[in-house]
């Protein structure tokens, strides 16, 4: 079957120049550091290196939720790492995450700092460390982890699949957009059917499953992701919409969504977070600038 663009794959693929598109300047087929730079380290037990993408937002929401419950050990410094500029390829970041993807976390609360990478692993690590947002009952815990890993396996089809070809690819390819739009809608239907049966994704309690899924699927139906809500006709997913709006009202979610954010209204951005008072300072700075 021939591709409508006339492209014929080579017998052996080789990268020839950049591949175009929004992220062409940082895409490459090799791993490792491109430049030497140590990671900054603040005064708190947890050091987060991230940007306010859906994967980054998962962790800042989790940390703000833990702090709202009074866990002082969850205090953190959130350092902005601009992925479009290639900050994730510094030698320090690669030591924290050899996969060079945000977010990366360093837990400096003990003599030997612990690195944690991959957003799902970080959520699970924090949930177990503080004993929060993960059910203690074995059956409910298993359900929670199943949905956590559902998100980790499904979101690449939404982000790298639908989001990429719909918003970022240098040319619109009908087959690719149709293929991934179909899959995104199927995933939303999976989630909608689940939320018709339960108050939260993993059951009766708010958990790391919700914290992982909301930044992707919740923000999609709220019109914040790829501006694709109308295109995907998300109004039919009534249970997902109700769940998304409910979580959106949580104060910790609102704070977490601000941290390391680099786009949108200035009042919704807190480029770096080093103290709880930074939120109020940012609010005052925005009001003063108006």
Protein backbone atom coordinates (compact mmCIF):
# COMPACT_ATOMS: atom_id res chain seq x y z
CA UNK A 1 0.00 0.00 0.00
CA UNK A 2 1.58 3.27 -1.05
CA UNK A 3 1.66 6.36 1.18
CA UNK A 4 -0.31 9.30 -0.25
CA UNK A 5 2.76 11.53 0.10
CA UNK A 6 4.79 9.24 -2.14
CA UNK A 7 7.30 8.53 0.62
CA UNK A 8 9.09 5.21 0.30
CA UNK A 9 11.04 4.10 3.41
CA UNK A 10 14.71 3.34 2.90
CA UNK A 11 15.93 -0.20 3.48
CA UNK A 12 17.87 1.06 6.51
CA UNK A 13 16.69 4.25 8.21
CA UNK A 14 19.22 7.02 8.74
CA UNK A 15 18.59 10.52 10.03
CA UNK A 16 19.23 13.10 7.34
CA UNK A 17 19.03 16.60 8.80
CA UNK A 18 16.13 17.52 11.09
CA UNK A 19 12.67 16.08 10.63
CA UNK A 20 10.82 19.39 10.78
CA UNK A 21 8.07 20.27 13.20
CA UNK A 22 8.00 22.04 16.54
CA UNK A 23 10.62 19.89 18.28
CA UNK A 24 12.98 19.22 15.39
CA UNK A 25 15.84 21.14 17.02
CA UNK A 26 16.01 18.73 19.97
CA UNK A 27 15.08 15.45 18.31
CA UNK A 28 17.94 13.01 17.77
CA UNK A 29 18.38 9.23 17.60
CA UNK A 30 20.96 9.05 20.39
CA UNK A 31 20.94 9.41 24.19
CA UNK A 32 23.26 11.12 26.65
CA UNK A 33 24.36 14.62 27.55
CA UNK A 34 25.03 17.31 24.97
CA UNK A 35 26.57 19.80 27.39
CA UNK A 36 28.03 20.01 30.88
CA UNK A 37 25.89 21.62 33.57
CA UNK A 38 25.22 20.60 37.15
CA UNK A 39 21.73 20.51 38.57
CA UNK A 40 20.77 23.39 40.86
CA UNK A 41 19.95 22.36 44.42
CA UNK A 42 17.72 24.27 46.81
CA UNK A 43 17.10 23.94 50.54
CA UNK A 44 14.15 21.53 50.58
CA UNK A 45 14.19 17.71 50.87
CA UNK A 46 12.79 17.24 47.36
CA UNK A 47 14.30 18.75 44.22
CA UNK A 48 12.15 18.70 41.10
CA UNK A 49 13.48 19.41 37.60
CA UNK A 50 10.58 19.88 35.26
CA UNK A 51 8.33 21.95 33.03
CA UNK A 52 4.57 22.41 33.28
CA UNK A 53 3.59 19.86 30.65
CA UNK A 54 0.96 17.26 31.62
CA UNK A 55 3.69 14.91 32.84
CA UNK A 56 5.30 17.65 34.89
CA UNK A 57 1.97 18.80 36.33
CA UNK A 58 1.34 15.34 37.74
CA UNK A 59 4.21 15.75 40.18
CA UNK A 60 3.59 19.34 41.26
CA UNK A 61 -0.05 18.47 41.93
CA UNK A 62 1.03 15.47 44.01
CA UNK A 63 3.49 17.55 46.02
CA UNK A 64 0.97 20.31 46.64
CA UNK A 65 -1.61 17.72 47.71
CA UNK A 66 0.87 16.21 50.18
CA UNK A 67 1.70 19.63 51.58
CA UNK A 68 -2.00 20.42 51.98
CA UNK A 69 -2.24 17.35 54.24
CA UNK A 70 0.57 18.69 56.43
CA UNK A 71 3.50 16.60 55.19
CA UNK A 72 6.40 19.01 55.72
CA UNK A 73 8.78 16.45 54.23
CA UNK A 74 7.11 17.07 50.88
CA UNK A 75 8.47 20.62 50.70
CA UNK A 76 10.19 21.03 47.38
CA UNK A 77 12.14 23.25 45.03
CA UNK A 78 10.79 23.17 41.47
CA UNK A 79 13.39 24.21 38.91
CA UNK A 80 12.32 25.10 35.38
CA UNK A 81 13.88 22.93 32.69
CA UNK A 82 12.84 24.17 29.26
CA UNK A 83 12.62 21.12 27.05
CA UNK A 84 12.40 23.21 23.89
CA UNK A 85 15.84 24.62 24.73
CA UNK A 86 17.34 21.19 25.42
CA UNK A 87 17.89 21.72 29.16
CA UNK A 88 17.10 18.03 29.69
CA UNK A 89 20.30 17.09 27.87
CA UNK A 90 22.62 18.66 30.45
CA UNK A 91 25.03 16.31 32.18
CA UNK A 92 23.34 16.89 35.54
CA UNK A 93 19.88 16.12 34.23
CA UNK A 94 21.04 12.99 32.43
CA UNK A 95 22.43 11.72 35.74
CA UNK A 96 18.99 12.26 37.29
CA UNK A 97 17.18 10.75 34.29
CA UNK A 98 19.20 8.89 31.64
CA UNK A 99 16.12 9.07 29.39
CA UNK A 100 16.34 12.91 29.27
CA UNK A 101 12.62 13.47 29.83
CA UNK A 102 10.95 15.68 32.41
CA UNK A 103 10.10 15.35 35.21
CA UNK A 104 13.04 14.15 37.28
CA UNK A 105 13.10 14.12 41.07
CA UNK A 106 15.96 13.97 43.54
CA UNK A 107 15.06 13.02 47.10
CA UNK A 108 17.78 14.56 49.27
CA UNK A 109 16.17 13.72 52.61
CA UNK A 110 18.77 11.05 53.39
CA UNK A 111 22.55 10.85 53.28
CA UNK A 112 22.47 9.25 49.83
CA UNK A 113 20.13 11.21 47.53
CA UNK A 114 17.71 9.04 45.56
CA UNK A 115 16.92 9.79 41.94
CA UNK A 116 13.45 8.98 40.62
CA UNK A 117 12.44 9.36 36.99
CA UNK A 118 9.33 8.67 34.89
CA UNK A 119 6.23 10.45 36.17
CA UNK A 120 4.36 7.28 37.15
CA UNK A 121 7.33 6.03 39.15
CA UNK A 122 7.63 9.39 40.91
CA UNK A 123 3.93 9.35 41.86
CA UNK A 124 4.21 5.83 43.22
CA UNK A 125 7.43 6.69 45.08
CA UNK A 126 5.85 9.71 46.77
CA UNK A 127 2.63 7.83 47.55
CA UNK A 128 4.58 5.07 49.29
CA UNK A 129 6.99 7.46 51.00
CA UNK A 130 4.20 9.49 52.61
CA UNK A 131 1.47 6.85 52.77
CA UNK A 132 -1.06 8.96 50.90
CA UNK A 133 -3.18 8.78 47.74
CA UNK A 134 -2.77 5.06 47.34
CA UNK A 135 -5.28 2.60 48.85
CA UNK A 136 -4.06 0.34 51.64
CA UNK A 137 -6.54 -2.42 50.84
CA UNK A 138 -4.74 -4.85 48.45
CA UNK A 139 -7.68 -5.10 46.05
CA UNK A 140 -8.15 -1.31 45.85
CA UNK A 141 -4.39 -0.77 45.62
CA UNK A 142 -4.19 -3.13 42.65
CA UNK A 143 -7.04 -1.29 40.93
CA UNK A 144 -5.26 2.02 41.53
CA UNK A 145 -1.99 0.75 40.07
CA UNK A 146 -3.79 -0.75 37.07
CA UNK A 147 -5.22 2.65 36.20
CA UNK A 148 -1.90 4.37 36.89
CA UNK A 149 -0.19 2.10 34.37
CA UNK A 150 -3.15 2.47 32.00
CA UNK A 151 -2.30 6.15 31.85
CA UNK A 152 1.39 5.52 31.32
CA UNK A 153 0.63 3.18 28.41
CA UNK A 154 -2.23 5.17 26.90
CA UNK A 155 -1.07 8.79 27.06
CA UNK A 156 1.66 8.40 24.40
CA UNK A 157 -1.11 7.76 21.89
CA UNK A 158 -2.80 10.97 23.02
CA UNK A 159 0.35 13.10 23.22
CA UNK A 160 2.96 11.74 20.85
CA UNK A 161 0.23 10.36 18.59
CA UNK A 162 -2.83 12.58 18.31
CA UNK A 163 -1.31 15.73 19.83
CA UNK A 164 1.78 15.56 17.68
CA UNK A 165 0.12 14.99 14.33
CA UNK A 166 -2.83 17.31 15.06
CA UNK A 167 -0.81 20.24 16.48
CA UNK A 168 2.94 19.95 15.93
CA UNK A 169 3.73 17.95 12.79
CA UNK A 170 5.09 20.06 9.89
CA UNK A 171 2.33 18.70 7.63
CA UNK A 172 -1.18 17.42 8.27
CA UNK A 173 -1.41 13.72 7.44
CA UNK A 174 -4.99 12.50 7.29
CA UNK A 175 -4.18 8.87 8.07
CA UNK A 176 -2.15 9.77 11.14
CA UNK A 177 -4.70 12.25 12.52
CA UNK A 178 -7.61 9.88 11.89
CA UNK A 179 -5.74 6.95 13.44
CA UNK A 180 -4.82 8.75 16.64
CA UNK A 181 -8.06 10.74 16.95
CA UNK A 182 -9.89 7.41 16.88
CA UNK A 183 -7.62 6.03 19.60
CA UNK A 184 -7.95 9.17 21.74
CA UNK A 185 -11.73 8.90 21.60
CA UNK A 186 -11.60 5.20 22.44
CA UNK A 187 -9.50 5.99 25.50
CA UNK A 188 -11.91 8.73 26.57
CA UNK A 189 -14.73 6.20 26.24
CA UNK A 190 -12.82 3.73 28.42
CA UNK A 191 -12.43 6.43 31.05
CA UNK A 192 -16.03 7.62 30.72
CA UNK A 193 -17.40 4.12 31.24
CA UNK A 194 -15.18 3.67 34.29
CA UNK A 195 -16.26 6.99 35.83
CA UNK A 196 -19.90 6.05 35.31
CA UNK A 197 -19.26 3.33 37.89
CA UNK A 198 -16.97 5.10 40.37
CA UNK A 199 -16.52 8.53 41.93
CA UNK A 200 -12.80 8.51 41.18
CA UNK A 201 -10.78 6.51 38.69
CA UNK A 202 -9.62 3.81 41.08
CA UNK A 203 -12.79 3.73 43.16
CA UNK A 204 -14.24 5.75 46.03
CA UNK A 205 -11.08 7.71 46.91
CA UNK A 206 -8.91 10.26 45.12
CA UNK A 207 -5.56 8.67 44.31
CA UNK A 208 -2.41 8.82 42.24
CA UNK A 209 -4.47 7.32 39.41
CA UNK A 210 -6.53 10.53 39.24
CA UNK A 211 -3.42 12.67 39.66
CA UNK A 212 -1.76 10.88 36.73
CA UNK A 213 -4.77 10.87 34.41
CA UNK A 214 -6.22 14.35 35.01
CA UNK A 215 -3.36 16.43 33.51
CA UNK A 216 -3.84 14.58 30.21
CA UNK A 217 -7.47 13.55 29.83
CA UNK A 218 -9.02 15.99 32.30
CA UNK A 219 -7.33 18.97 30.73
CA UNK A 220 -8.20 17.68 27.27
CA UNK A 221 -11.95 17.70 27.98
CA UNK A 222 -11.61 21.08 29.73
CA UNK A 223 -10.26 22.54 26.48
CA UNK A 224 -6.67 23.08 27.60
CA UNK A 225 -4.85 20.46 25.54
CA UNK A 226 -4.12 20.96 21.83
CA UNK A 227 -7.34 23.03 21.57
CA UNK A 228 -8.85 19.77 20.38
CA UNK A 229 -12.02 19.54 22.47
CA UNK A 230 -14.35 20.56 19.66
CA UNK A 231 -12.49 18.45 17.10
CA UNK A 232 -12.85 15.35 19.27
CA UNK A 233 -16.38 16.29 20.41
CA UNK A 234 -15.61 15.74 24.09
CA UNK A 235 -19.07 16.89 25.23
CA UNK A 236 -20.32 13.31 24.93
CA UNK A 237 -17.99 12.14 27.74
CA UNK A 238 -20.19 13.48 30.53
CA UNK A 239 -18.66 11.43 33.33
CA UNK A 240 -15.11 12.45 32.37
CA UNK A 241 -16.20 16.10 32.22
CA UNK A 242 -17.79 15.98 35.68
CA UNK A 243 -14.71 14.27 37.13
CA UNK A 244 -12.36 16.74 35.42
CA UNK A 245 -14.26 19.75 36.75
CA UNK A 246 -14.38 18.29 40.27
CA UNK A 247 -10.62 17.78 40.38
CA UNK A 248 -10.01 21.17 38.78
CA UNK A 249 -11.64 22.79 41.83
CA UNK A 250 -9.06 21.39 44.24
CA UNK A 251 -6.76 24.16 45.50
CA UNK A 252 -3.70 21.88 45.38
CA UNK A 253 -4.45 21.09 41.74
CA UNK A 254 -4.73 24.79 40.93
CA UNK A 255 -1.39 25.49 42.57
CA UNK A 256 0.30 22.46 41.03
CA UNK A 257 -0.86 23.44 37.57
CA UNK A 258 0.90 26.81 37.93
CA UNK A 259 4.36 25.48 38.81
CA UNK A 260 6.97 25.45 36.02
CA UNK A 261 4.31 26.61 33.56
CA UNK A 262 5.72 28.61 30.65
CA UNK A 263 2.61 29.58 28.69
CA UNK A 264 -0.80 31.13 29.20
CA UNK A 265 -1.87 34.06 31.32
CA UNK A 266 0.96 35.31 33.61
CA UNK A 267 -1.34 34.90 36.61
CA UNK A 268 -1.42 31.15 35.90
CA UNK A 269 2.37 30.78 35.79
CA UNK A 270 4.92 30.24 38.53
CA UNK A 271 8.13 29.51 36.66
CA UNK A 272 9.94 28.23 39.72
CA UNK A 273 8.67 27.32 43.17
CA UNK A 274 10.99 27.42 46.16
CA UNK A 275 8.57 28.28 48.95
CA UNK A 276 4.83 28.12 49.57
CA UNK A 277 4.80 31.93 49.70
CA UNK A 278 5.89 32.08 46.04
CA UNK A 279 2.27 31.68 44.91
CA UNK A 280 1.17 34.80 46.75
CA UNK A 281 4.26 36.73 45.65
CA UNK A 282 3.50 35.85 42.03
CA UNK A 283 -0.10 37.00 42.43
CA UNK A 284 1.05 40.36 43.84
CA UNK A 285 3.63 40.78 41.05
CA UNK A 286 0.99 40.19 38.36
CA UNK A 287 -1.42 42.66 39.98
CA UNK A 288 1.34 45.26 40.26
CA UNK A 289 2.24 44.83 36.58
CA UNK A 290 -1.35 45.51 35.43
